[in-house]
C-alpha atoms as a PDB file:
ATOM      1  CA  UNK A   1      98.469 112.969 102.925  1.00  0.00           C
ATOM      2  CA  UNK A   2      98.442 116.055 105.110  1.00  0.00           C
ATOM      3  CA  UNK A   3      97.247 115.552 108.702  1.00  0.00           C
ATOM      4  CA  UNK A   4      96.550 118.296 111.179  1.00  0.00           C
ATOM      5  CA  UNK A   5      95.254 118.044 114.732  1.00  0.00           C
ATOM      6  CA  UNK A   6      95.147 120.524 117.608  1.00  0.00           C
ATOM      7  CA  UNK A   7      95.052 119.526 121.250  1.00  0.00           C
ATOM      8  CA  UNK A   8      97.027 118.792 124.362  1.00  0.00           C
ATOM      9  CA  UNK A   9      98.245 115.515 125.813  1.00  0.00           C
ATOM     10  CA  UNK A  10      95.385 113.137 126.798  1.00  0.00           C
ATOM     11  CA  UNK A  11      92.752 115.314 125.149  1.00  0.00           C
ATOM     12  CA  UNK A  12      90.488 114.736 122.191  1.00  0.00           C
ATOM     13  CA  UNK A  13      90.712 116.962 119.170  1.00  0.00           C
ATOM     14  CA  UNK A  14      89.475 116.902 115.601  1.00  0.00           C
ATOM     15  CA  UNK A  15      91.808 115.462 113.036  1.00  0.00           C
ATOM     16  CA  UNK A  16      91.835 116.968 109.577  1.00  0.00           C
ATOM     17  CA  UNK A  17      93.238 114.881 106.720  1.00  0.00           C
ATOM     18  CA  UNK A  18      93.417 116.227 103.179  1.00  0.00           C
ATOM     19  CA  UNK A  19      94.153 114.166 100.090  1.00  0.00           C
ATOM     20  CA  UNK A  20      93.954 111.018 102.211  1.00  0.00           C
ATOM     21  CA  UNK A  21      93.889 107.620 100.542  1.00  0.00           C
ATOM     22  CA  UNK A  22      93.680 104.070 101.839  1.00  0.00           C
ATOM     23  CA  UNK A  23      95.304 101.062 100.203  1.00  0.00           C
ATOM     24  CA  UNK A  24      94.465  97.415 100.645  1.00  0.00           C
ATOM     25  CA  UNK A  25      96.905  94.512 100.824  1.00  0.00           C
ATOM     26  CA  UNK A  26      97.763  94.471  97.094  1.00  0.00           C
ATOM     27  CA  UNK A  27      98.183  98.287  97.352  1.00  0.00           C
ATOM     28  CA  UNK A  28      95.107  99.271  95.365  1.00  0.00           C
ATOM     29  CA  UNK A  29      94.299 102.844  96.353  1.00  0.00           C
ATOM     30  CA  UNK A  30      90.759 103.628  97.539  1.00  0.00           C
ATOM     31  CA  UNK A  31      88.986 106.805  98.612  1.00  0.00           C
ATOM     32  CA  UNK A  32      87.485 107.062 102.054  1.00  0.00           C
ATOM     33  CA  UNK A  33      85.226 109.526 103.765  1.00  0.00           C
ATOM     34  CA  UNK A  34      84.273 110.360 107.326  1.00  0.00           C
ATOM     35  CA  UNK A  35      80.630 109.757 108.243  1.00  0.00           C
ATOM     36  CA  UNK A  36      79.459 110.579 111.775  1.00  0.00           C
ATOM     37  CA  UNK A  37      83.029 110.600 113.043  1.00  0.00           C
ATOM     38  CA  UNK A  38      83.965 107.225 111.537  1.00  0.00           C
ATOM     39  CA  UNK A  39      86.132 106.586 108.502  1.00  0.00           C
ATOM     40  CA  UNK A  40      84.235 104.815 105.748  1.00  0.00           C
ATOM     41  CA  UNK A  41      85.989 103.114 102.854  1.00  0.00           C
ATOM     42  CA  UNK A  42      83.787 102.958  99.795  1.00  0.00           C
ATOM     43  CA  UNK A  43      84.352  99.794  97.815  1.00  0.00           C
ATOM     44  CA  UNK A  44      82.188  97.940  95.342  1.00  0.00           C
ATOM     45  CA  UNK A  45      82.694  94.192  95.683  1.00  0.00           C
ATOM     46  CA  UNK A  46      83.876  92.833  92.347  1.00  0.00           C
ATOM     47  CA  UNK A  47      85.062  96.217  91.029  1.00  0.00           C
ATOM     48  CA  UNK A  48      88.658  95.360  90.151  1.00  0.00           C
ATOM     49  CA  UNK A  49      89.159  98.170  87.627  1.00  0.00           C
ATOM     50  CA  UNK A  50      88.042 100.810  90.194  1.00  0.00           C
ATOM     51  CA  UNK A  51      85.287 102.491  88.201  1.00  0.00           C
ATOM     52  CA  UNK A  52      82.682 102.081  90.985  1.00  0.00           C
ATOM     53  CA  UNK A  53      80.660  99.357  89.215  1.00  0.00           C
ATOM     54  CA  UNK A  54      80.977  95.722  88.185  1.00  0.00           C
ATOM     55  CA  UNK A  55      81.271  95.612  84.428  1.00  0.00           C
ATOM     56  CA  UNK A  56      82.594  93.360  81.681  1.00  0.00           C
ATOM     57  CA  UNK A  57      86.162  94.465  82.462  1.00  0.00           C
ATOM     58  CA  UNK A  58      85.851  93.032  85.967  1.00  0.00           C
ATOM     59  CA  UNK A  59      84.322  89.820  84.610  1.00  0.00           C
ATOM     60  CA  UNK A  60      87.228  89.516  82.159  1.00  0.00           C
ATOM     61  CA  UNK A  61      89.787  90.155  84.896  1.00  0.00           C
ATOM     62  CA  UNK A  62      88.380  87.327  87.023  1.00  0.00           C
ATOM     63  CA  UNK A  63      88.361  85.032  83.977  1.00  0.00           C
ATOM     64  CA  UNK A  64      92.012  85.924  83.364  1.00  0.00           C
ATOM     65  CA  UNK A  65      92.793  85.085  87.007  1.00  0.00           C
ATOM     66  CA  UNK A  66      91.110  81.696  86.573  1.00  0.00           C
ATOM     67  CA  UNK A  67      93.223  80.784  83.541  1.00  0.00           C
ATOM     68  CA  UNK A  68      96.433  82.168  85.068  1.00  0.00           C
ATOM     69  CA  UNK A  69      96.843  85.109  82.705  1.00  0.00           C
ATOM     70  CA  UNK A  70      96.216  87.962  85.172  1.00  0.00           C
ATOM     71  CA  UNK A  71      99.290  89.779  86.516  1.00  0.00           C
ATOM     72  CA  UNK A  72      98.066  89.250  90.088  1.00  0.00           C
ATOM     73  CA  UNK A  73      95.708  86.852  91.845  1.00  0.00           C
ATOM     74  CA  UNK A  74      93.368  88.748  94.181  1.00  0.00           C
ATOM     75  CA  UNK A  75      91.755  86.836  97.050  1.00  0.00           C
ATOM     76  CA  UNK A  76      88.785  89.242  96.814  1.00  0.00           C
ATOM     77  CA  UNK A  77      87.793  87.416  93.619  1.00  0.00           C
ATOM     78  CA  UNK A  78      86.872  84.278  95.604  1.00  0.00           C
ATOM     79  CA  UNK A  79      83.126  84.935  95.531  1.00  0.00           C
ATOM     80  CA  UNK A  80      82.107  81.368  96.401  1.00  0.00           C
ATOM     81  CA  UNK A  81      84.431  81.306  99.450  1.00  0.00           C
ATOM     82  CA  UNK A  82      86.226  78.061  98.661  1.00  0.00           C
ATOM     83  CA  UNK A  83      89.733  79.622  99.092  1.00  0.00           C
ATOM     84  CA  UNK A  84      90.454  79.471  95.329  1.00  0.00           C
ATOM     85  CA  UNK A  85      89.752  81.796  92.429  1.00  0.00           C
ATOM     86  CA  UNK A  86      88.170  79.323  90.047  1.00  0.00           C
ATOM     87  CA  UNK A  87      85.529  78.932  87.345  1.00  0.00           C
ATOM     88  CA  UNK A  88      82.769  79.196  89.962  1.00  0.00           C
ATOM     89  CA  UNK A  89      83.963  82.705  90.820  1.00  0.00           C
ATOM     90  CA  UNK A  90      84.136  83.686  87.147  1.00  0.00           C
ATOM     91  CA  UNK A  91      80.613  82.386  86.650  1.00  0.00           C
ATOM     92  CA  UNK A  92      79.303  84.182  89.736  1.00  0.00           C
ATOM     93  CA  UNK A  93      80.648  87.606  88.746  1.00  0.00           C
ATOM     94  CA  UNK A  94      79.356  87.095  85.197  1.00  0.00           C
ATOM     95  CA  UNK A  95      75.880  86.197  86.502  1.00  0.00           C
ATOM     96  CA  UNK A  96      75.978  89.270  88.765  1.00  0.00           C
ATOM     97  CA  UNK A  97      77.070  91.549  85.942  1.00  0.00           C
ATOM     98  CA  UNK A  98      74.169  90.499  83.704  1.00  0.00           C
ATOM     99  CA  UNK A  99      71.660  90.807  86.556  1.00  0.00           C
ATOM    100  CA  UNK A 100      70.872  87.122  87.151  1.00  0.00           C
ATOM    101  CA  UNK A 101      71.916  87.206  90.850  1.00  0.00           C
ATOM    102  CA  UNK A 102      71.432  90.139  93.261  1.00  0.00           C
ATOM    103  CA  UNK A 103      74.815  90.157  95.023  1.00  0.00           C
ATOM    104  CA  UNK A 104      78.320  88.756  94.944  1.00  0.00           C
END
């Protein structure tokens, strides 16, 4: 990431960042943008394969987490907020993916 800012001590100045990325705790890299002076990280809840939508690959990944076959267990997959990634979470993302529930 390249960062450039111009200003003096105790002054405000614009900050220009090019090729900037943000990573979450498991070091998944995400894009972010600046909207009205605030950084905005664009994430789609349930999008574990980072293609900007929840699809069958994401449903499969959660199912693999449930049965212990995924290479990593992501706390973001706990859609029913019971502190575990379990069959309820796999069912919820599957129901979302086929359009039976409006949100995760």
